[in-house]
Amino acid sequence: MAIAHDTMDEAFMIGIRDIFTDAEIIELGLVTGAFIALGRLHRAFDIAPMEDGAHGAFREEG
């Protein structure tokens, strides 16, 4: 979506509609767009990367 949004043709949309509702597709687009925007803000403001293990979601299960 961020790099090649123009490749999301009718065949792609038919395939994704087999899995998600229209509301879910919109939500996926909005969430994806929000993360793309946050990543660009981090890069623009030169925000330091997170330290290893700084966020629970990135912890490896041992």
PDB file of N, CA and C in Angstrom:
ATOM      1  N   MET A   1       0.829  -1.195   0.000  1.00  0.00           N
ATOM      2  CA  MET A   1       0.000   0.000   0.000  1.00  0.00           C
ATOM      3  C   MET A   1       0.868   1.251   0.000  1.00  0.00           C
ATOM      4  N   ALA A   2       1.950   1.240   0.718  1.00  0.00           N
ATOM      5  CA  ALA A   2       2.801   2.419   0.793  1.00  0.00           C
ATOM      6  C   ALA A   2       3.683   2.569  -0.436  1.00  0.00           C
ATOM      7  N   ILE A   3       4.090   1.452  -1.003  1.00  0.00           N
ATOM      8  CA  ILE A   3       5.055   1.502  -2.092  1.00  0.00           C
ATOM      9  C   ILE A   3       4.390   1.381  -3.456  1.00  0.00           C
ATOM     10  N   ALA A   4       3.442   0.476  -3.589  1.00  0.00           N
ATOM     11  CA  ALA A   4       2.846   0.200  -4.901  1.00  0.00           C
ATOM     12  C   ALA A   4       1.325   0.139  -4.805  1.00  0.00           C
ATOM     13  N   HIS A   5       0.734   1.206  -4.289  1.00  0.00           N
ATOM     14  CA  HIS A   5      -0.720   1.216  -4.121  1.00  0.00           C
ATOM     15  C   HIS A   5      -1.477   1.076  -5.439  1.00  0.00           C
ATOM     16  N   ASP A   6      -0.832   1.469  -6.517  1.00  0.00           N
ATOM     17  CA  ASP A   6      -1.504   1.392  -7.812  1.00  0.00           C
ATOM     18  C   ASP A   6      -1.575  -0.034  -8.360  1.00  0.00           C
ATOM     19  N   THR A   7      -0.965  -0.996  -7.668  1.00  0.00           N
ATOM     20  CA  THR A   7      -1.045  -2.393  -8.094  1.00  0.00           C
ATOM     21  C   THR A   7      -2.245  -3.107  -7.478  1.00  0.00           C
ATOM     22  N   MET A   8      -3.006  -2.418  -6.647  1.00  0.00           N
ATOM     23  CA  MET A   8      -4.192  -3.013  -6.025  1.00  0.00           C
ATOM     24  C   MET A   8      -5.350  -2.913  -7.020  1.00  0.00           C
ATOM     25  N   ASP A   9      -5.378  -3.879  -7.946  1.00  0.00           N
ATOM     26  CA  ASP A   9      -6.367  -3.860  -9.019  1.00  0.00           C
ATOM     27  C   ASP A   9      -7.649  -4.587  -8.610  1.00  0.00           C
ATOM     28  N   GLU A  10      -8.551  -4.749  -9.580  1.00  0.00           N
ATOM     29  CA  GLU A  10      -9.847  -5.382  -9.306  1.00  0.00           C
ATOM     30  C   GLU A  10      -9.678  -6.821  -8.824  1.00  0.00           C
ATOM     31  N   ALA A  11      -8.716  -7.548  -9.394  1.00  0.00           N
ATOM     32  CA  ALA A  11      -8.474  -8.934  -8.961  1.00  0.00           C
ATOM     33  C   ALA A  11      -8.044  -8.977  -7.498  1.00  0.00           C
ATOM     34  N   PHE A  12      -7.207  -8.030  -7.095  1.00  0.00           N
ATOM     35  CA  PHE A  12      -6.790  -7.953  -5.696  1.00  0.00           C
ATOM     36  C   PHE A  12      -7.994  -7.701  -4.801  1.00  0.00           C
ATOM     37  N   MET A  13      -8.839  -6.756  -5.188  1.00  0.00           N
ATOM     38  CA  MET A  13     -10.006  -6.420  -4.373  1.00  0.00           C
ATOM     39  C   MET A  13     -10.992  -7.584  -4.283  1.00  0.00           C
ATOM     40  N   ILE A  14     -11.163  -8.334  -5.358  1.00  0.00           N
ATOM     41  CA  ILE A  14     -12.039  -9.510  -5.314  1.00  0.00           C
ATOM     42  C   ILE A  14     -11.491 -10.519  -4.317  1.00  0.00           C
ATOM     43  N   GLY A  15     -10.184 -10.746  -4.371  1.00  0.00           N
ATOM     44  CA  GLY A  15      -9.559 -11.683  -3.445  1.00  0.00           C
ATOM     45  C   GLY A  15      -9.666 -11.256  -1.998  1.00  0.00           C
ATOM     46  N   ILE A  16      -9.467  -9.981  -1.745  1.00  0.00           N
ATOM     47  CA  ILE A  16      -9.516  -9.499  -0.358  1.00  0.00           C
ATOM     48  C   ILE A  16     -10.952  -9.489   0.175  1.00  0.00           C
ATOM     49  N   ARG A  17     -11.917  -9.285  -0.716  1.00  0.00           N
ATOM     50  CA  ARG A  17     -13.327  -9.317  -0.290  1.00  0.00           C
ATOM     51  C   ARG A  17     -13.796 -10.729   0.042  1.00  0.00           C
ATOM     52  N   ASP A  18     -13.063 -11.732  -0.421  1.00  0.00           N
ATOM     53  CA  ASP A  18     -13.361 -13.111  -0.024  1.00  0.00           C
ATOM     54  C   ASP A  18     -13.011 -13.343   1.443  1.00  0.00           C
ATOM     55  N   ILE A  19     -12.142 -12.514   1.980  1.00  0.00           N
ATOM     56  CA  ILE A  19     -11.640 -12.689   3.346  1.00  0.00           C
ATOM     57  C   ILE A  19     -12.237 -11.668   4.309  1.00  0.00           C
ATOM     58  N   PHE A  20     -12.346 -10.406   3.869  1.00  0.00           N
ATOM     59  CA  PHE A  20     -12.758  -9.305   4.739  1.00  0.00           C
ATOM     60  C   PHE A  20     -14.048  -8.652   4.243  1.00  0.00           C
ATOM     61  N   THR A  21     -14.794  -8.063   5.172  1.00  0.00           N
ATOM     62  CA  THR A  21     -15.954  -7.248   4.812  1.00  0.00           C
ATOM     63  C   THR A  21     -15.458  -5.889   4.321  1.00  0.00           C
ATOM     64  N   ASP A  22     -16.348  -5.114   3.696  1.00  0.00           N
ATOM     65  CA  ASP A  22     -15.957  -3.773   3.251  1.00  0.00           C
ATOM     66  C   ASP A  22     -15.502  -2.913   4.426  1.00  0.00           C
ATOM     67  N   ALA A  23     -16.200  -3.010   5.552  1.00  0.00           N
ATOM     68  CA  ALA A  23     -15.817  -2.230   6.735  1.00  0.00           C
ATOM     69  C   ALA A  23     -14.426  -2.630   7.223  1.00  0.00           C
ATOM     70  N   GLU A  24     -14.118  -3.920   7.195  1.00  0.00           N
ATOM     71  CA  GLU A  24     -12.795  -4.381   7.623  1.00  0.00           C
ATOM     72  C   GLU A  24     -11.705  -3.923   6.662  1.00  0.00           C
ATOM     73  N   ILE A  25     -12.014  -3.883   5.371  1.00  0.00           N
ATOM     74  CA  ILE A  25     -11.045  -3.405   4.385  1.00  0.00           C
ATOM     75  C   ILE A  25     -10.732  -1.934   4.634  1.00  0.00           C
ATOM     76  N   ILE A  26     -11.756  -1.145   4.919  1.00  0.00           N
ATOM     77  CA  ILE A  26     -11.541   0.271   5.229  1.00  0.00           C
ATOM     78  C   ILE A  26     -10.700   0.408   6.489  1.00  0.00           C
ATOM     79  N   GLU A  27     -11.025  -0.379   7.512  1.00  0.00           N
ATOM     80  CA  GLU A  27     -10.259  -0.320   8.761  1.00  0.00           C
ATOM     81  C   GLU A  27      -8.797  -0.715   8.526  1.00  0.00           C
ATOM     82  N   LEU A  28      -8.573  -1.760   7.741  1.00  0.00           N
ATOM     83  CA  LEU A  28      -7.199  -2.154   7.418  1.00  0.00           C
ATOM     84  C   LEU A  28      -6.456  -1.023   6.714  1.00  0.00           C
ATOM     85  N   GLY A  29      -7.124  -0.356   5.790  1.00  0.00           N
ATOM     86  CA  GLY A  29      -6.506   0.764   5.090  1.00  0.00           C
ATOM     87  C   GLY A  29      -6.166   1.914   6.016  1.00  0.00           C
ATOM     88  N   LEU A  30      -7.084   2.234   6.920  1.00  0.00           N
ATOM     89  CA  LEU A  30      -6.838   3.329   7.860  1.00  0.00           C
ATOM     90  C   LEU A  30      -5.706   3.005   8.828  1.00  0.00           C
ATOM     91  N   VAL A  31      -5.698   1.788   9.346  1.00  0.00           N
ATOM     92  CA  VAL A  31      -4.634   1.388  10.276  1.00  0.00           C
ATOM     93  C   VAL A  31      -3.285   1.350   9.556  1.00  0.00           C
ATOM     94  N   THR A  32      -3.279   0.799   8.341  1.00  0.00           N
ATOM     95  CA  THR A  32      -2.042   0.757   7.566  1.00  0.00           C
ATOM     96  C   THR A  32      -1.538   2.170   7.292  1.00  0.00           C
ATOM     97  N   GLY A  33      -2.441   3.058   6.894  1.00  0.00           N
ATOM     98  CA  GLY A  33      -2.062   4.447   6.648  1.00  0.00           C
ATOM     99  C   GLY A  33      -1.517   5.134   7.883  1.00  0.00           C
ATOM    100  N   ALA A  34      -2.107   4.851   9.041  1.00  0.00           N
ATOM    101  CA  ALA A  34      -1.627   5.447  10.289  1.00  0.00           C
ATOM    102  C   ALA A  34      -0.206   4.987  10.594  1.00  0.00           C
ATOM    103  N   PHE A  35       0.065   3.698  10.408  1.00  0.00           N
ATOM    104  CA  PHE A  35       1.413   3.197  10.671  1.00  0.00           C
ATOM    105  C   PHE A  35       2.420   3.731   9.663  1.00  0.00           C
ATOM    106  N   ILE A  36       2.010   3.881   8.411  1.00  0.00           N
ATOM    107  CA  ILE A  36       2.896   4.475   7.415  1.00  0.00           C
ATOM    108  C   ILE A  36       3.232   5.911   7.823  1.00  0.00           C
ATOM    109  N   ALA A  37       2.215   6.663   8.238  1.00  0.00           N
ATOM    110  CA  ALA A  37       2.429   8.051   8.663  1.00  0.00           C
ATOM    111  C   ALA A  37       3.352   8.121   9.873  1.00  0.00           C
ATOM    112  N   LEU A  38       3.141   7.244  10.855  1.00  0.00           N
ATOM    113  CA  LEU A  38       4.006   7.244  12.039  1.00  0.00           C
ATOM    114  C   LEU A  38       5.449   6.927  11.666  1.00  0.00           C
ATOM    115  N   GLY A  39       5.638   5.962  10.784  1.00  0.00           N
ATOM    116  CA  GLY A  39       6.989   5.629  10.344  1.00  0.00           C
ATOM    117  C   GLY A  39       7.665   6.800   9.649  1.00  0.00           C
ATOM    118  N   ARG A  40       6.912   7.524   8.846  1.00  0.00           N
ATOM    119  CA  ARG A  40       7.487   8.685   8.152  1.00  0.00           C
ATOM    120  C   ARG A  40       7.794   9.820   9.122  1.00  0.00           C
ATOM    121  N   LEU A  41       6.932  10.004  10.122  1.00  0.00           N
ATOM    122  CA  LEU A  41       7.221  11.014  11.146  1.00  0.00           C
ATOM    123  C   LEU A  41       8.476  10.653  11.927  1.00  0.00           C
ATOM    124  N   HIS A  42       8.608   9.388  12.290  1.00  0.00           N
ATOM    125  CA  HIS A  42       9.814   8.948  13.004  1.00  0.00           C
ATOM    126  C   HIS A  42      11.057   9.240  12.186  1.00  0.00           C
ATOM    127  N   ARG A  43      10.993   8.953  10.899  1.00  0.00           N
ATOM    128  CA  ARG A  43      12.148   9.200  10.042  1.00  0.00           C
ATOM    129  C   ARG A  43      12.395  10.709   9.881  1.00  0.00           C
ATOM    130  N   ALA A  44      11.338  11.484   9.694  1.00  0.00           N
ATOM    131  CA  ALA A  44      11.484  12.929   9.494  1.00  0.00           C
ATOM    132  C   ALA A  44      12.053  13.621  10.725  1.00  0.00           C
ATOM    133  N   PHE A  45      11.628  13.168  11.915  1.00  0.00           N
ATOM    134  CA  PHE A  45      12.095  13.786  13.152  1.00  0.00           C
ATOM    135  C   PHE A  45      13.301  13.070  13.743  1.00  0.00           C
ATOM    136  N   ASP A  46      13.837  12.097  13.009  1.00  0.00           N
ATOM    137  CA  ASP A  46      15.026  11.358  13.425  1.00  0.00           C
ATOM    138  C   ASP A  46      14.867  10.783  14.829  1.00  0.00           C
ATOM    139  N   ILE A  47      13.713  10.171  15.049  1.00  0.00           N
ATOM    140  CA  ILE A  47      13.442   9.554  16.343  1.00  0.00           C
ATOM    141  C   ILE A  47      14.253   8.273  16.439  1.00  0.00           C
ATOM    142  N   ALA A  48      14.896   8.092  17.576  1.00  0.00           N
ATOM    143  CA  ALA A  48      15.767   6.932  17.776  1.00  0.00           C
ATOM    144  C   ALA A  48      14.956   5.639  17.746  1.00  0.00           C
ATOM    145  N   PRO A  49      15.553   4.579  17.208  1.00  0.00           N
ATOM    146  CA  PRO A  49      14.853   3.292  17.231  1.00  0.00           C
ATOM    147  C   PRO A  49      14.696   2.777  18.662  1.00  0.00           C
ATOM    148  N   MET A  50      13.696   1.936  18.861  1.00  0.00           N
ATOM    149  CA  MET A  50      13.461   1.372  20.186  1.00  0.00           C
ATOM    150  C   MET A  50      14.580   0.407  20.546  1.00  0.00           C
ATOM    151  N   GLU A  51      14.882   0.337  21.835  1.00  0.00           N
ATOM    152  CA  GLU A  51      15.853  -0.642  22.307  1.00  0.00           C
ATOM    153  C   GLU A  51      15.221  -2.026  22.254  1.00  0.00           C
ATOM    154  N   ASP A  52      16.057  -3.056  22.156  1.00  0.00           N
ATOM    155  CA  ASP A  52      15.552  -4.424  22.163  1.00  0.00           C
ATOM    156  C   ASP A  52      14.726  -4.665  23.412  1.00  0.00           C
ATOM    157  N   GLY A  53      13.559  -5.266  23.244  1.00  0.00           N
ATOM    158  CA  GLY A  53      12.705  -5.600  24.377  1.00  0.00           C
ATOM    159  C   GLY A  53      11.971  -4.419  24.978  1.00  0.00           C
ATOM    160  N   ALA A  54      11.987  -3.253  24.310  1.00  0.00           N
ATOM    161  CA  ALA A  54      11.340  -2.068  24.866  1.00  0.00           C
ATOM    162  C   ALA A  54       9.824  -2.185  24.847  1.00  0.00           C
ATOM    163  N   HIS A  55       9.308  -3.026  24.000  1.00  0.00           N
ATOM    164  CA  HIS A  55       7.864  -3.192  23.889  1.00  0.00           C
ATOM    165  C   HIS A  55       7.532  -4.670  24.021  1.00  0.00           C
ATOM    166  N   GLY A  56       6.565  -4.983  24.840  1.00  0.00           N
ATOM    167  CA  GLY A  56       6.203  -6.368  25.114  1.00  0.00           C
ATOM    168  C   GLY A  56       5.865  -7.181  23.882  1.00  0.00           C
ATOM    169  N   ALA A  57       5.308  -6.545  22.856  1.00  0.00           N
ATOM    170  CA  ALA A  57       4.918  -7.276  21.652  1.00  0.00           C
ATOM    171  C   ALA A  57       6.124  -7.812  20.892  1.00  0.00           C
ATOM    172  N   PHE A  58       7.304  -7.239  21.148  1.00  0.00           N
ATOM    173  CA  PHE A  58       8.504  -7.662  20.440  1.00  0.00           C
ATOM    174  C   PHE A  58       9.341  -8.655  21.235  1.00  0.00           C
ATOM    175  N   ARG A  59       8.891  -9.021  22.421  1.00  0.00           N
ATOM    176  CA  ARG A  59       9.636  -9.977  23.234  1.00  0.00           C
ATOM    177  C   ARG A  59       9.490 -11.372  22.655  1.00  0.00           C
ATOM    178  N   GLU A  60      10.598 -12.067  22.597  1.00  0.00           N
ATOM    179  CA  GLU A  60      10.564 -13.443  22.105  1.00  0.00           C
ATOM    180  C   GLU A  60      10.110 -14.357  23.222  1.00  0.00           C
ATOM    181  N   GLU A  61       9.267 -15.300  22.860  1.00  0.00           N
ATOM    182  CA  GLU A  61       8.822 -16.296  23.835  1.00  0.00           C
ATOM    183  C   GLU A  61       9.952 -17.286  24.034  1.00  0.00           C
ATOM    184  N   GLY A  62      10.257 -17.604  25.288  1.00  0.00           N
ATOM    185  CA  GLY A  62      11.378 -18.507  25.536  1.00  0.00           C
ATOM    186  C   GLY A  62      10.952 -19.687  26.230  1.00  0.00           C
TER     187      GLY A  62
END
